[in-house]
Amino acid sequence: MKYSSKFLIFLVLISFTNCKKNNKKENKKIVETSRVEFLPFYNNKSFTPIWLTPGSKEEKNFHKIPDFKLINQLGDTITQQTFENKIYITDFFFTICPGICPQMTDNMYKLQEGFKKDSDVLLLSHSVMPSTDSVSVLKEYAKTHGVVDNKWHLVTGDKKHIYTLGRDHYFVENDLGEPKNINDFLHTENFLLIDKNKHIRGIYNGLNRASIAQLILDVNTLKVEKQN
């Protein structure tokens, strides 16, 4: 069978176009299936995201929350060993706070209930008024607010130790460029997400529903990341 030269050119053009379309589809598929999702890391008050490969040398040498020693609502000593191989969510509060703390506590309670059966996730709330928030006061507060012991730790301890953790290691305050000392009250609505290697992986507004929803998503992303 004979074809005109115009018809042959038409067939070639169709084949070339289809080939390009198929290649685009295949390339797109490769990109989508090879994409790995993980959370950024943070190492200073600006909370500029740093993208590191989990498990890399850079990640292992990155900023970590240091060892600490505090006392929870049961009178038990709480250290980094308490959170060994655990993801945890942390905040700073005080029991007689009339402003933001009740709403923060409500949202921490929702997180507790959401991850209640998940042994990989714990909660940690530091009192910024340890002189008044004794073990007995924290125990009563825990009872009032439905805190599950050993799932959600409300801790007290040395004020300087707690403030140093909050300001110099968790970076919870937003006052960039304003030096603070032990006499300046530590008060923040921020929640922090800490991974199993003690790195900061997220900061969230503890008063905002959308931010809490994002925190829940990020915890689940972190769990998948560690499995990979």
N, C-alpha and C. Protein backbone atom coordinates (compact mmCIF):
# COMPACT_ATOMS: atom_id res chain seq x y z
N MET A 1 0.86 -1.19 0.00
CA MET A 1 0.00 0.00 0.00
C MET A 1 0.89 1.24 0.00
N LYS A 2 0.55 2.19 -0.82
CA LYS A 2 1.35 3.41 -0.92
C LYS A 2 0.70 4.55 -0.14
N TYR A 3 1.56 5.36 0.51
CA TYR A 3 1.08 6.53 1.24
C TYR A 3 1.72 7.77 0.64
N SER A 4 0.97 8.84 0.68
CA SER A 4 1.53 10.11 0.21
C SER A 4 2.55 10.60 1.22
N SER A 5 3.47 11.42 0.77
CA SER A 5 4.50 11.95 1.68
C SER A 5 3.88 12.76 2.80
N LYS A 6 2.78 13.48 2.52
CA LYS A 6 2.12 14.29 3.55
C LYS A 6 1.54 13.40 4.64
N PHE A 7 0.97 12.25 4.21
CA PHE A 7 0.38 11.33 5.18
C PHE A 7 1.44 10.70 6.07
N LEU A 8 2.59 10.36 5.49
CA LEU A 8 3.68 9.79 6.27
C LEU A 8 4.20 10.78 7.30
N ILE A 9 4.31 12.04 6.88
CA ILE A 9 4.75 13.08 7.82
C ILE A 9 3.76 13.22 8.96
N PHE A 10 2.47 13.11 8.65
CA PHE A 10 1.42 13.22 9.66
C PHE A 10 1.54 12.09 10.68
N LEU A 11 1.81 10.85 10.19
CA LEU A 11 1.97 9.71 11.10
C LEU A 11 3.17 9.89 12.02
N VAL A 12 4.26 10.39 11.49
CA VAL A 12 5.47 10.62 12.28
C VAL A 12 5.21 11.63 13.38
N LEU A 13 4.50 12.71 13.01
CA LEU A 13 4.21 13.75 14.00
C LEU A 13 3.34 13.22 15.12
N ILE A 14 2.34 12.38 14.80
CA ILE A 14 1.47 11.80 15.81
C ILE A 14 2.27 10.91 16.76
N SER A 15 3.12 10.08 16.17
CA SER A 15 3.95 9.16 16.98
C SER A 15 4.86 9.93 17.92
N PHE A 16 5.47 10.99 17.41
CA PHE A 16 6.38 11.83 18.21
C PHE A 16 5.65 12.48 19.38
N THR A 17 4.43 12.99 19.08
CA THR A 17 3.62 13.64 20.11
C THR A 17 3.22 12.66 21.19
N ASN A 18 2.78 11.46 20.78
CA ASN A 18 2.38 10.45 21.75
C ASN A 18 3.55 10.00 22.61
N CYS A 19 4.72 9.91 21.99
CA CYS A 19 5.92 9.52 22.71
C CYS A 19 6.25 10.53 23.79
N LYS A 20 6.14 11.83 23.45
CA LYS A 20 6.40 12.90 24.42
C LYS A 20 5.41 12.83 25.58
N LYS A 21 4.12 12.57 25.25
CA LYS A 21 3.10 12.49 26.29
C LYS A 21 3.39 11.33 27.23
N ASN A 22 3.75 10.18 26.66
CA ASN A 22 4.04 9.00 27.47
C ASN A 22 5.24 9.24 28.38
N ASN A 23 6.27 9.91 27.82
CA ASN A 23 7.46 10.19 28.62
C ASN A 23 7.13 11.11 29.78
N LYS A 24 6.26 12.11 29.52
CA LYS A 24 5.86 13.04 30.58
C LYS A 24 5.14 12.30 31.69
N LYS A 25 4.22 11.38 31.29
CA LYS A 25 3.49 10.62 32.29
C LYS A 25 4.42 9.76 33.12
N GLU A 26 5.37 9.10 32.46
CA GLU A 26 6.30 8.24 33.16
C GLU A 26 7.19 9.05 34.10
N ASN A 27 7.67 10.21 33.62
CA ASN A 27 8.52 11.06 34.44
C ASN A 27 7.76 11.57 35.67
N LYS A 28 6.50 11.95 35.44
CA LYS A 28 5.69 12.45 36.53
C LYS A 28 5.50 11.36 37.59
N LYS A 29 5.27 10.14 37.12
CA LYS A 29 5.08 9.03 38.03
C LYS A 29 6.33 8.77 38.86
N ILE A 30 7.49 8.85 38.24
CA ILE A 30 8.75 8.64 38.94
C ILE A 30 8.95 9.69 40.03
N VAL A 31 8.64 10.94 39.71
CA VAL A 31 8.79 12.03 40.68
C VAL A 31 7.88 11.81 41.87
N GLU A 32 6.62 11.43 41.60
CA GLU A 32 5.66 11.29 42.67
C GLU A 32 6.00 10.13 43.60
N THR A 33 6.42 9.01 43.04
CA THR A 33 6.68 7.83 43.86
C THR A 33 8.02 7.92 44.59
N SER A 34 8.94 8.75 44.09
CA SER A 34 10.25 8.83 44.72
C SER A 34 10.33 9.95 45.75
N ARG A 35 9.27 10.76 45.85
CA ARG A 35 9.30 11.89 46.77
C ARG A 35 9.20 11.40 48.22
N VAL A 36 10.09 11.87 49.10
CA VAL A 36 10.10 11.48 50.50
C VAL A 36 9.71 12.69 51.34
N GLU A 37 8.68 12.55 52.18
CA GLU A 37 8.23 13.66 53.00
C GLU A 37 8.83 13.55 54.40
N PHE A 38 9.39 14.65 54.88
CA PHE A 38 9.85 14.72 56.25
C PHE A 38 9.80 16.16 56.72
N LEU A 39 9.87 16.34 58.02
CA LEU A 39 9.74 17.67 58.62
C LEU A 39 11.08 18.37 58.70
N PRO A 40 11.07 19.71 58.72
CA PRO A 40 12.32 20.45 58.88
C PRO A 40 12.82 20.37 60.32
N PHE A 41 14.04 20.85 60.53
CA PHE A 41 14.66 20.92 61.84
C PHE A 41 14.83 22.40 62.21
N TYR A 42 14.92 22.69 63.52
CA TYR A 42 15.08 24.07 63.97
C TYR A 42 16.18 24.15 65.03
N ASN A 43 16.95 25.26 64.99
CA ASN A 43 18.06 25.37 65.94
C ASN A 43 18.27 26.75 66.53
N ASN A 44 17.30 27.67 66.32
CA ASN A 44 17.44 28.99 66.96
C ASN A 44 16.09 29.69 67.07
N LYS A 45 16.10 30.88 67.67
CA LYS A 45 14.86 31.60 67.97
C LYS A 45 14.10 32.08 66.74
N SER A 46 14.78 32.19 65.61
CA SER A 46 14.10 32.65 64.40
C SER A 46 13.21 31.56 63.81
N PHE A 47 13.42 30.33 64.21
CA PHE A 47 12.68 29.18 63.69
C PHE A 47 12.69 29.15 62.16
N THR A 48 13.86 29.39 61.61
CA THR A 48 14.06 29.22 60.18
C THR A 48 14.21 27.72 59.91
N PRO A 49 13.37 27.15 59.03
CA PRO A 49 13.46 25.70 58.80
C PRO A 49 14.77 25.29 58.14
N ILE A 50 15.37 24.25 58.67
CA ILE A 50 16.59 23.66 58.12
C ILE A 50 16.24 22.27 57.61
N TRP A 51 16.52 22.02 56.35
CA TRP A 51 16.15 20.73 55.76
C TRP A 51 17.35 19.79 55.78
N LEU A 52 17.27 18.80 56.62
CA LEU A 52 18.32 17.80 56.75
C LEU A 52 17.75 16.41 56.45
N THR A 53 18.61 15.53 56.01
CA THR A 53 18.18 14.16 55.77
C THR A 53 18.20 13.40 57.09
N PRO A 54 17.05 12.89 57.54
CA PRO A 54 17.04 12.12 58.79
C PRO A 54 18.04 10.97 58.74
N GLY A 55 18.83 10.85 59.81
CA GLY A 55 19.82 9.80 59.87
C GLY A 55 21.18 10.19 59.35
N SER A 56 21.28 11.40 58.77
CA SER A 56 22.55 11.86 58.22
C SER A 56 23.48 12.33 59.32
N LYS A 57 24.75 12.54 58.98
CA LYS A 57 25.73 13.04 59.94
C LYS A 57 25.33 14.43 60.41
N GLU A 58 24.82 15.25 59.49
CA GLU A 58 24.39 16.61 59.84
C GLU A 58 23.26 16.56 60.86
N GLU A 59 22.35 15.62 60.67
CA GLU A 59 21.22 15.50 61.59
C GLU A 59 21.69 15.07 62.98
N LYS A 60 22.62 14.15 63.03
CA LYS A 60 23.11 13.65 64.31
C LYS A 60 23.85 14.72 65.11
N ASN A 61 24.46 15.68 64.41
CA ASN A 61 25.20 16.75 65.08
C ASN A 61 24.38 18.02 65.27
N PHE A 62 23.09 17.98 64.93
CA PHE A 62 22.25 19.17 64.98
C PHE A 62 21.78 19.44 66.42
N HIS A 63 21.26 20.66 66.63
CA HIS A 63 20.78 21.08 67.95
C HIS A 63 19.82 20.07 68.57
N LYS A 64 20.08 19.73 69.84
CA LYS A 64 19.22 18.82 70.58
C LYS A 64 18.85 19.42 71.93
N ILE A 65 17.70 19.00 72.44
CA ILE A 65 17.32 19.40 73.80
C ILE A 65 18.25 18.66 74.77
N PRO A 66 18.91 19.39 75.66
CA PRO A 66 19.89 18.74 76.56
C PRO A 66 19.20 17.95 77.68
N ASP A 67 20.00 17.27 78.45
CA ASP A 67 19.48 16.53 79.60
C ASP A 67 18.83 17.49 80.60
N PHE A 68 17.81 17.02 81.27
CA PHE A 68 17.16 17.82 82.30
C PHE A 68 16.72 16.90 83.44
N LYS A 69 16.38 17.52 84.57
CA LYS A 69 15.91 16.77 85.73
C LYS A 69 14.81 17.56 86.41
N LEU A 70 13.58 17.06 86.31
CA LEU A 70 12.40 17.75 86.84
C LEU A 70 11.54 16.74 87.60
N ILE A 71 10.48 17.23 88.27
CA ILE A 71 9.60 16.38 89.06
C ILE A 71 8.17 16.51 88.54
N ASN A 72 7.49 15.38 88.31
CA ASN A 72 6.13 15.46 87.78
C ASN A 72 5.07 15.43 88.88
N GLN A 73 3.81 15.40 88.46
CA GLN A 73 2.67 15.46 89.39
C GLN A 73 2.58 14.26 90.33
N LEU A 74 3.31 13.19 90.03
CA LEU A 74 3.33 12.01 90.89
C LEU A 74 4.50 12.03 91.86
N GLY A 75 5.35 13.06 91.72
CA GLY A 75 6.56 13.13 92.54
C GLY A 75 7.70 12.34 91.95
N ASP A 76 7.54 11.85 90.71
CA ASP A 76 8.58 11.07 90.05
C ASP A 76 9.59 12.00 89.36
N THR A 77 10.84 11.59 89.33
CA THR A 77 11.88 12.34 88.63
C THR A 77 11.76 12.10 87.13
N ILE A 78 11.73 13.20 86.38
CA ILE A 78 11.57 13.14 84.92
C ILE A 78 12.86 13.63 84.27
N THR A 79 13.43 12.82 83.39
CA THR A 79 14.66 13.17 82.68
C THR A 79 14.50 12.82 81.21
N GLN A 80 15.56 12.99 80.45
CA GLN A 80 15.52 12.60 79.05
C GLN A 80 15.27 11.10 78.89
N GLN A 81 15.64 10.32 79.89
CA GLN A 81 15.39 8.88 79.81
C GLN A 81 13.90 8.57 79.79
N THR A 82 13.10 9.44 80.39
CA THR A 82 11.64 9.27 80.37
C THR A 82 11.12 9.31 78.93
N PHE A 83 11.81 10.07 78.09
CA PHE A 83 11.38 10.27 76.71
C PHE A 83 12.27 9.52 75.71
N GLU A 84 13.01 8.55 76.22
CA GLU A 84 13.88 7.75 75.36
C GLU A 84 13.06 7.04 74.28
N ASN A 85 13.45 7.29 73.02
CA ASN A 85 12.78 6.68 71.87
C ASN A 85 11.30 7.08 71.78
N LYS A 86 10.99 8.30 72.27
CA LYS A 86 9.62 8.81 72.22
C LYS A 86 9.58 10.14 71.46
N ILE A 87 8.47 10.38 70.81
CA ILE A 87 8.14 11.71 70.28
C ILE A 87 7.38 12.42 71.40
N TYR A 88 7.68 13.71 71.63
CA TYR A 88 6.88 14.39 72.64
C TYR A 88 6.53 15.82 72.23
N ILE A 89 5.42 16.28 72.80
CA ILE A 89 4.91 17.64 72.58
C ILE A 89 5.05 18.37 73.90
N THR A 90 5.60 19.57 73.87
CA THR A 90 5.87 20.28 75.12
C THR A 90 5.36 21.71 75.10
N ASP A 91 5.07 22.22 76.30
CA ASP A 91 4.67 23.62 76.44
C ASP A 91 5.07 24.12 77.82
N PHE A 92 4.77 25.42 78.09
CA PHE A 92 5.11 26.07 79.36
C PHE A 92 3.86 26.78 79.86
N PHE A 93 3.51 26.54 81.12
CA PHE A 93 2.25 27.05 81.68
C PHE A 93 2.42 27.31 83.17
N PHE A 94 1.33 27.75 83.84
CA PHE A 94 1.29 27.72 85.31
C PHE A 94 -0.15 27.56 85.74
N THR A 95 -0.36 26.93 86.86
CA THR A 95 -1.70 26.45 87.22
C THR A 95 -2.70 27.56 87.53
N ILE A 96 -2.25 28.72 88.00
CA ILE A 96 -3.20 29.79 88.34
C ILE A 96 -3.33 30.81 87.22
N CYS A 97 -2.81 30.50 86.05
CA CYS A 97 -2.89 31.41 84.90
C CYS A 97 -4.35 31.65 84.51
N PRO A 98 -4.77 32.93 84.49
CA PRO A 98 -6.16 33.23 84.15
C PRO A 98 -6.37 33.51 82.66
N GLY A 99 -5.27 33.59 81.90
CA GLY A 99 -5.36 33.99 80.50
C GLY A 99 -5.30 32.84 79.51
N ILE A 100 -4.12 32.64 78.90
CA ILE A 100 -3.99 31.69 77.80
C ILE A 100 -3.87 30.23 78.26
N CYS A 101 -3.44 30.00 79.49
CA CYS A 101 -3.15 28.62 79.93
C CYS A 101 -4.35 27.68 79.91
N PRO A 102 -5.55 28.12 80.34
CA PRO A 102 -6.68 27.18 80.29
C PRO A 102 -6.96 26.65 78.88
N GLN A 103 -6.87 27.52 77.89
CA GLN A 103 -7.09 27.07 76.51
C GLN A 103 -5.95 26.17 76.03
N MET A 104 -4.73 26.50 76.43
CA MET A 104 -3.59 25.64 76.09
C MET A 104 -3.77 24.26 76.71
N THR A 105 -4.20 24.23 77.97
CA THR A 105 -4.42 22.95 78.64
C THR A 105 -5.51 22.15 77.95
N ASP A 106 -6.57 22.82 77.54
CA ASP A 106 -7.65 22.14 76.81
C ASP A 106 -7.12 21.51 75.52
N ASN A 107 -6.26 22.23 74.82
CA ASN A 107 -5.72 21.70 73.57
C ASN A 107 -4.70 20.59 73.81
N MET A 108 -3.94 20.68 74.89
CA MET A 108 -3.05 19.58 75.24
C MET A 108 -3.88 18.34 75.60
N TYR A 109 -5.01 18.55 76.26
CA TYR A 109 -5.90 17.43 76.60
C TYR A 109 -6.40 16.75 75.32
N LYS A 110 -6.75 17.56 74.32
CA LYS A 110 -7.21 17.00 73.04
C LYS A 110 -6.10 16.18 72.38
N LEU A 111 -4.87 16.67 72.48
CA LEU A 111 -3.74 15.92 71.94
C LEU A 111 -3.55 14.61 72.71
N GLN A 112 -3.69 14.69 74.03
CA GLN A 112 -3.58 13.49 74.85
C GLN A 112 -4.61 12.45 74.42
N GLU A 113 -5.85 12.89 74.22
CA GLU A 113 -6.90 11.96 73.83
C GLU A 113 -6.66 11.41 72.43
N GLY A 114 -6.14 12.25 71.53
CA GLY A 114 -5.88 11.82 70.17
C GLY A 114 -4.78 10.77 70.08
N PHE A 115 -3.79 10.87 70.98
CA PHE A 115 -2.67 9.94 70.96
C PHE A 115 -2.65 9.04 72.21
N LYS A 116 -3.80 8.89 72.82
CA LYS A 116 -3.90 8.17 74.09
C LYS A 116 -3.39 6.74 74.01
N LYS A 117 -3.67 6.08 72.90
CA LYS A 117 -3.29 4.68 72.74
C LYS A 117 -1.97 4.52 71.98
N ASP A 118 -1.33 5.64 71.69
CA ASP A 118 -0.07 5.62 70.94
C ASP A 118 1.10 5.74 71.92
N SER A 119 1.76 4.65 72.18
CA SER A 119 2.84 4.65 73.17
C SER A 119 4.08 5.41 72.72
N ASP A 120 4.14 5.77 71.43
CA ASP A 120 5.29 6.52 70.92
C ASP A 120 5.23 8.01 71.23
N VAL A 121 4.06 8.49 71.66
CA VAL A 121 3.86 9.93 71.83
C VAL A 121 3.54 10.27 73.29
N LEU A 122 4.31 11.23 73.85
CA LEU A 122 4.09 11.71 75.21
C LEU A 122 3.91 13.22 75.21
N LEU A 123 3.42 13.76 76.33
CA LEU A 123 3.23 15.20 76.50
C LEU A 123 4.02 15.67 77.72
N LEU A 124 4.54 16.90 77.64
CA LEU A 124 5.36 17.46 78.72
C LEU A 124 5.02 18.94 78.91
N SER A 125 4.48 19.30 80.07
CA SER A 125 4.14 20.69 80.38
C SER A 125 4.98 21.18 81.56
N HIS A 126 5.76 22.24 81.31
CA HIS A 126 6.64 22.80 82.34
C HIS A 126 5.93 23.95 83.07
N SER A 127 5.96 23.94 84.39
CA SER A 127 5.44 25.08 85.14
C SER A 127 6.48 26.20 85.15
N VAL A 128 6.03 27.42 84.83
CA VAL A 128 6.93 28.57 84.88
C VAL A 128 6.83 29.29 86.23
N MET A 129 6.02 28.71 87.14
CA MET A 129 5.93 29.21 88.51
C MET A 129 6.17 28.05 89.47
N PRO A 130 7.37 27.47 89.41
CA PRO A 130 7.64 26.28 90.23
C PRO A 130 7.59 26.54 91.73
N SER A 131 7.74 27.80 92.13
CA SER A 131 7.70 28.11 93.57
C SER A 131 6.31 27.88 94.15
N THR A 132 5.28 28.04 93.33
CA THR A 132 3.90 27.81 93.80
C THR A 132 3.33 26.50 93.25
N ASP A 133 3.80 26.08 92.10
CA ASP A 133 3.29 24.83 91.51
C ASP A 133 4.09 23.64 92.04
N SER A 134 3.75 23.26 93.26
CA SER A 134 4.39 22.12 93.91
C SER A 134 3.83 20.82 93.32
N VAL A 135 4.38 19.71 93.75
CA VAL A 135 3.90 18.41 93.29
C VAL A 135 2.42 18.24 93.63
N SER A 136 2.02 18.60 94.83
CA SER A 136 0.61 18.44 95.24
C SER A 136 -0.31 19.32 94.42
N VAL A 137 0.14 20.55 94.10
CA VAL A 137 -0.66 21.47 93.28
C VAL A 137 -0.80 20.90 91.86
N LEU A 138 0.29 20.40 91.31
CA LEU A 138 0.24 19.81 89.97
C LEU A 138 -0.64 18.56 89.94
N LYS A 139 -0.60 17.79 91.00
CA LYS A 139 -1.42 16.58 91.08
C LYS A 139 -2.90 16.93 91.06
N GLU A 140 -3.28 17.95 91.81
CA GLU A 140 -4.67 18.38 91.83
C GLU A 140 -5.09 18.95 90.48
N TYR A 141 -4.19 19.73 89.86
CA TYR A 141 -4.45 20.30 88.53
C TYR A 141 -4.63 19.17 87.52
N ALA A 142 -3.79 18.16 87.60
CA ALA A 142 -3.87 17.02 86.69
C ALA A 142 -5.22 16.31 86.84
N LYS A 143 -5.66 16.14 88.08
CA LYS A 143 -6.94 15.47 88.35
C LYS A 143 -8.10 16.28 87.77
N THR A 144 -8.04 17.60 87.95
CA THR A 144 -9.10 18.49 87.47
C THR A 144 -9.21 18.48 85.95
N HIS A 145 -8.07 18.36 85.27
CA HIS A 145 -8.04 18.50 83.82
C HIS A 145 -7.91 17.17 83.06
N GLY A 146 -8.13 16.08 83.75
CA GLY A 146 -8.16 14.79 83.07
C GLY A 146 -6.83 14.32 82.54
N VAL A 147 -5.76 14.70 83.21
CA VAL A 147 -4.42 14.30 82.77
C VAL A 147 -4.20 12.81 83.05
N VAL A 148 -3.72 12.09 82.06
CA VAL A 148 -3.38 10.68 82.22
C VAL A 148 -1.92 10.60 82.70
N ASP A 149 -1.74 10.09 83.92
CA ASP A 149 -0.39 9.98 84.48
C ASP A 149 0.50 9.10 83.60
N ASN A 150 1.74 9.52 83.46
CA ASN A 150 2.76 8.84 82.65
C ASN A 150 2.53 8.96 81.14
N LYS A 151 1.44 9.60 80.76
CA LYS A 151 1.23 9.97 79.35
C LYS A 151 1.52 11.46 79.19
N TRP A 152 1.04 12.22 80.15
CA TRP A 152 1.20 13.68 80.15
C TRP A 152 1.86 14.09 81.47
N HIS A 153 3.08 14.54 81.39
CA HIS A 153 3.84 14.92 82.58
C HIS A 153 3.74 16.43 82.81
N LEU A 154 3.22 16.81 83.97
CA LEU A 154 3.24 18.21 84.41
C LEU A 154 4.42 18.33 85.36
N VAL A 155 5.38 19.19 85.03
CA VAL A 155 6.62 19.17 85.82
C VAL A 155 6.95 20.51 86.48
N THR A 156 7.59 20.38 87.63
CA THR A 156 8.11 21.51 88.38
C THR A 156 9.59 21.24 88.66
N GLY A 157 10.26 22.22 89.25
CA GLY A 157 11.68 22.04 89.53
C GLY A 157 12.36 23.37 89.75
N ASP A 158 13.64 23.41 89.51
CA ASP A 158 14.42 24.64 89.68
C ASP A 158 14.02 25.66 88.61
N LYS A 159 13.67 26.87 89.03
CA LYS A 159 13.18 27.89 88.10
C LYS A 159 14.21 28.22 87.03
N LYS A 160 15.46 28.41 87.44
CA LYS A 160 16.49 28.76 86.47
C LYS A 160 16.65 27.66 85.43
N HIS A 161 16.58 26.43 85.87
CA HIS A 161 16.70 25.28 84.97
C HIS A 161 15.57 25.28 83.94
N ILE A 162 14.34 25.51 84.41
CA ILE A 162 13.17 25.52 83.52
C ILE A 162 13.24 26.69 82.54
N TYR A 163 13.61 27.86 83.03
CA TYR A 163 13.67 29.04 82.15
C TYR A 163 14.80 28.91 81.12
N THR A 164 15.90 28.32 81.53
CA THR A 164 17.00 28.11 80.58
C THR A 164 16.58 27.13 79.49
N LEU A 165 15.89 26.07 79.88
CA LEU A 165 15.37 25.11 78.89
C LEU A 165 14.44 25.82 77.90
N GLY A 166 13.51 26.60 78.44
CA GLY A 166 12.52 27.27 77.60
C GLY A 166 13.13 28.27 76.64
N ARG A 167 14.01 29.11 77.15
CA ARG A 167 14.54 30.20 76.33
C ARG A 167 15.74 29.82 75.47
N ASP A 168 16.64 29.02 76.02
CA ASP A 168 17.90 28.75 75.33
C ASP A 168 17.92 27.45 74.53
N HIS A 169 16.94 26.58 74.78
CA HIS A 169 16.97 25.28 74.12
C HIS A 169 15.70 24.96 73.33
N TYR A 170 14.52 25.31 73.90
CA TYR A 170 13.27 25.16 73.15
C TYR A 170 12.94 26.40 72.33
N PHE A 171 13.51 27.54 72.70
CA PHE A 171 13.30 28.82 71.98
C PHE A 171 11.81 29.20 71.90
N VAL A 172 11.09 29.04 73.00
CA VAL A 172 9.63 29.18 72.95
C VAL A 172 9.14 30.63 72.88
N GLU A 173 9.96 31.59 73.30
CA GLU A 173 9.49 32.98 73.27
C GLU A 173 9.73 33.63 71.92
N ASN A 174 8.84 34.54 71.56
CA ASN A 174 8.91 35.18 70.25
C ASN A 174 9.66 36.50 70.26
N ASP A 175 10.15 36.95 71.41
CA ASP A 175 10.78 38.27 71.53
C ASP A 175 12.22 38.24 71.03
N LEU A 176 12.37 38.26 69.71
CA LEU A 176 13.70 38.23 69.12
C LEU A 176 14.46 39.52 69.43
N GLY A 177 15.71 39.39 69.81
CA GLY A 177 16.55 40.57 70.03
C GLY A 177 16.35 41.23 71.38
N GLU A 178 15.48 40.67 72.22
CA GLU A 178 15.25 41.25 73.54
C GLU A 178 15.79 40.29 74.60
N PRO A 179 16.94 40.58 75.16
CA PRO A 179 17.52 39.68 76.17
C PRO A 179 16.64 39.59 77.41
N LYS A 180 16.52 38.38 77.96
CA LYS A 180 15.71 38.16 79.16
C LYS A 180 16.58 37.55 80.25
N ASN A 181 16.17 37.75 81.49
CA ASN A 181 16.86 37.09 82.60
C ASN A 181 15.83 36.37 83.47
N ILE A 182 16.30 35.79 84.54
CA ILE A 182 15.45 34.98 85.39
C ILE A 182 14.29 35.77 86.00
N ASN A 183 14.44 37.09 86.10
CA ASN A 183 13.38 37.92 86.67
C ASN A 183 12.29 38.28 85.67
N ASP A 184 12.54 38.06 84.37
CA ASP A 184 11.53 38.30 83.35
C ASP A 184 10.67 37.05 83.21
N PHE A 185 9.37 37.23 83.35
CA PHE A 185 8.46 36.09 83.37
C PHE A 185 8.42 35.40 82.01
N LEU A 186 8.48 34.09 82.03
CA LEU A 186 8.39 33.30 80.81
C LEU A 186 6.93 32.94 80.57
N HIS A 187 6.37 33.45 79.49
CA HIS A 187 4.95 33.23 79.21
C HIS A 187 4.77 33.11 77.70
N THR A 188 4.31 31.98 77.23
CA THR A 188 4.19 31.74 75.80
C THR A 188 3.07 30.77 75.49
N GLU A 189 2.44 30.95 74.35
CA GLU A 189 1.39 30.04 73.91
C GLU A 189 1.90 28.93 73.00
N ASN A 190 3.20 28.90 72.77
CA ASN A 190 3.77 27.96 71.80
C ASN A 190 3.85 26.52 72.31
N PHE A 191 3.54 25.60 71.41
CA PHE A 191 3.78 24.17 71.61
C PHE A 191 4.97 23.79 70.72
N LEU A 192 5.79 22.86 71.20
CA LEU A 192 6.94 22.39 70.43
C LEU A 192 6.81 20.89 70.19
N LEU A 193 7.21 20.46 68.99
CA LEU A 193 7.25 19.04 68.66
C LEU A 193 8.70 18.58 68.65
N ILE A 194 8.99 17.56 69.47
CA ILE A 194 10.35 17.05 69.63
C ILE A 194 10.40 15.60 69.14
N ASP A 195 11.39 15.29 68.32
CA ASP A 195 11.46 13.93 67.77
C ASP A 195 12.21 12.98 68.71
N LYS A 196 12.35 11.73 68.30
CA LYS A 196 12.96 10.71 69.14
C LYS A 196 14.44 10.93 69.40
N ASN A 197 15.06 11.79 68.60
CA ASN A 197 16.47 12.13 68.79
C ASN A 197 16.66 13.48 69.48
N LYS A 198 15.57 14.02 70.06
CA LYS A 198 15.57 15.26 70.85
C LYS A 198 15.76 16.52 70.00
N HIS A 199 15.45 16.45 68.70
CA HIS A 199 15.50 17.62 67.84
C HIS A 199 14.14 18.31 67.82
N ILE A 200 14.15 19.64 67.68
CA ILE A 200 12.91 20.40 67.50
C ILE A 200 12.47 20.25 66.05
N ARG A 201 11.22 19.80 65.84
CA ARG A 201 10.73 19.58 64.48
C ARG A 201 9.52 20.43 64.13
N GLY A 202 9.02 21.23 65.08
CA GLY A 202 7.90 22.10 64.76
C GLY A 202 7.53 23.00 65.92
N ILE A 203 6.99 24.17 65.60
CA ILE A 203 6.47 25.11 66.60
C ILE A 203 5.05 25.48 66.19
N TYR A 204 4.13 25.57 67.17
CA TYR A 204 2.71 25.72 66.88
C TYR A 204 2.06 26.66 67.89
N ASN A 205 1.03 27.36 67.44
CA ASN A 205 0.26 28.22 68.33
C ASN A 205 -0.71 27.34 69.11
N GLY A 206 -0.49 27.24 70.41
CA GLY A 206 -1.31 26.37 71.24
C GLY A 206 -2.72 26.85 71.47
N LEU A 207 -3.06 28.02 70.92
CA LEU A 207 -4.41 28.57 71.06
C LEU A 207 -5.22 28.44 69.77
N ASN A 208 -4.57 28.00 68.71
CA ASN A 208 -5.17 28.03 67.37
C ASN A 208 -5.53 26.61 66.91
N ARG A 209 -6.80 26.41 66.55
CA ARG A 209 -7.27 25.08 66.15
C ARG A 209 -6.57 24.57 64.90
N ALA A 210 -6.35 25.46 63.94
CA ALA A 210 -5.69 25.05 62.70
C ALA A 210 -4.24 24.63 62.99
N SER A 211 -3.59 25.36 63.90
CA SER A 211 -2.22 25.03 64.25
C SER A 211 -2.15 23.69 64.98
N ILE A 212 -3.12 23.42 65.84
CA ILE A 212 -3.17 22.13 66.54
C ILE A 212 -3.42 21.00 65.56
N ALA A 213 -4.29 21.25 64.58
CA ALA A 213 -4.55 20.24 63.56
C ALA A 213 -3.29 19.93 62.77
N GLN A 214 -2.49 20.98 62.48
CA GLN A 214 -1.23 20.79 61.77
C GLN A 214 -0.24 19.99 62.63
N LEU A 215 -0.25 20.26 63.92
CA LEU A 215 0.61 19.53 64.85
C LEU A 215 0.31 18.04 64.81
N ILE A 216 -0.97 17.70 64.80
CA ILE A 216 -1.37 16.29 64.74
C ILE A 216 -0.87 15.65 63.46
N LEU A 217 -1.03 16.35 62.34
CA LEU A 217 -0.53 15.84 61.06
C LEU A 217 0.98 15.65 61.10
N ASP A 218 1.68 16.60 61.72
CA ASP A 218 3.14 16.54 61.76
C ASP A 218 3.64 15.40 62.65
N VAL A 219 2.92 15.11 63.72
CA VAL A 219 3.29 13.96 64.55
C VAL A 219 3.23 12.69 63.72
N ASN A 220 2.16 12.55 62.94
CA ASN A 220 2.00 11.36 62.10
C ASN A 220 3.06 11.30 61.00
N THR A 221 3.42 12.46 60.45
CA THR A 221 4.50 12.50 59.46
C THR A 221 5.81 12.06 60.10
N LEU A 222 6.05 12.51 61.32
CA LEU A 222 7.28 12.17 62.03
C LEU A 222 7.34 10.67 62.32
N LYS A 223 6.21 10.07 62.64
CA LYS A 223 6.17 8.64 62.90
C LYS A 223 6.53 7.84 61.65
N VAL A 224 6.01 8.27 60.51
CA VAL A 224 6.32 7.59 59.23
C VAL A 224 7.78 7.80 58.88
N GLU A 225 8.28 9.01 59.11
CA GLU A 225 9.68 9.32 58.81
C GLU A 225 10.61 8.40 59.59
N LYS A 226 10.32 8.16 60.85
CA LYS A 226 11.18 7.33 61.68
C LYS A 226 11.08 5.87 61.27
N GLN A 227 9.91 5.45 60.78
CA GLN A 227 9.78 4.08 60.28
C GLN A 227 10.62 3.85 59.05
N ASN A 228 10.72 4.90 58.22
CA ASN A 228 11.50 4.79 56.98
C ASN A 228 12.99 4.80 57.29
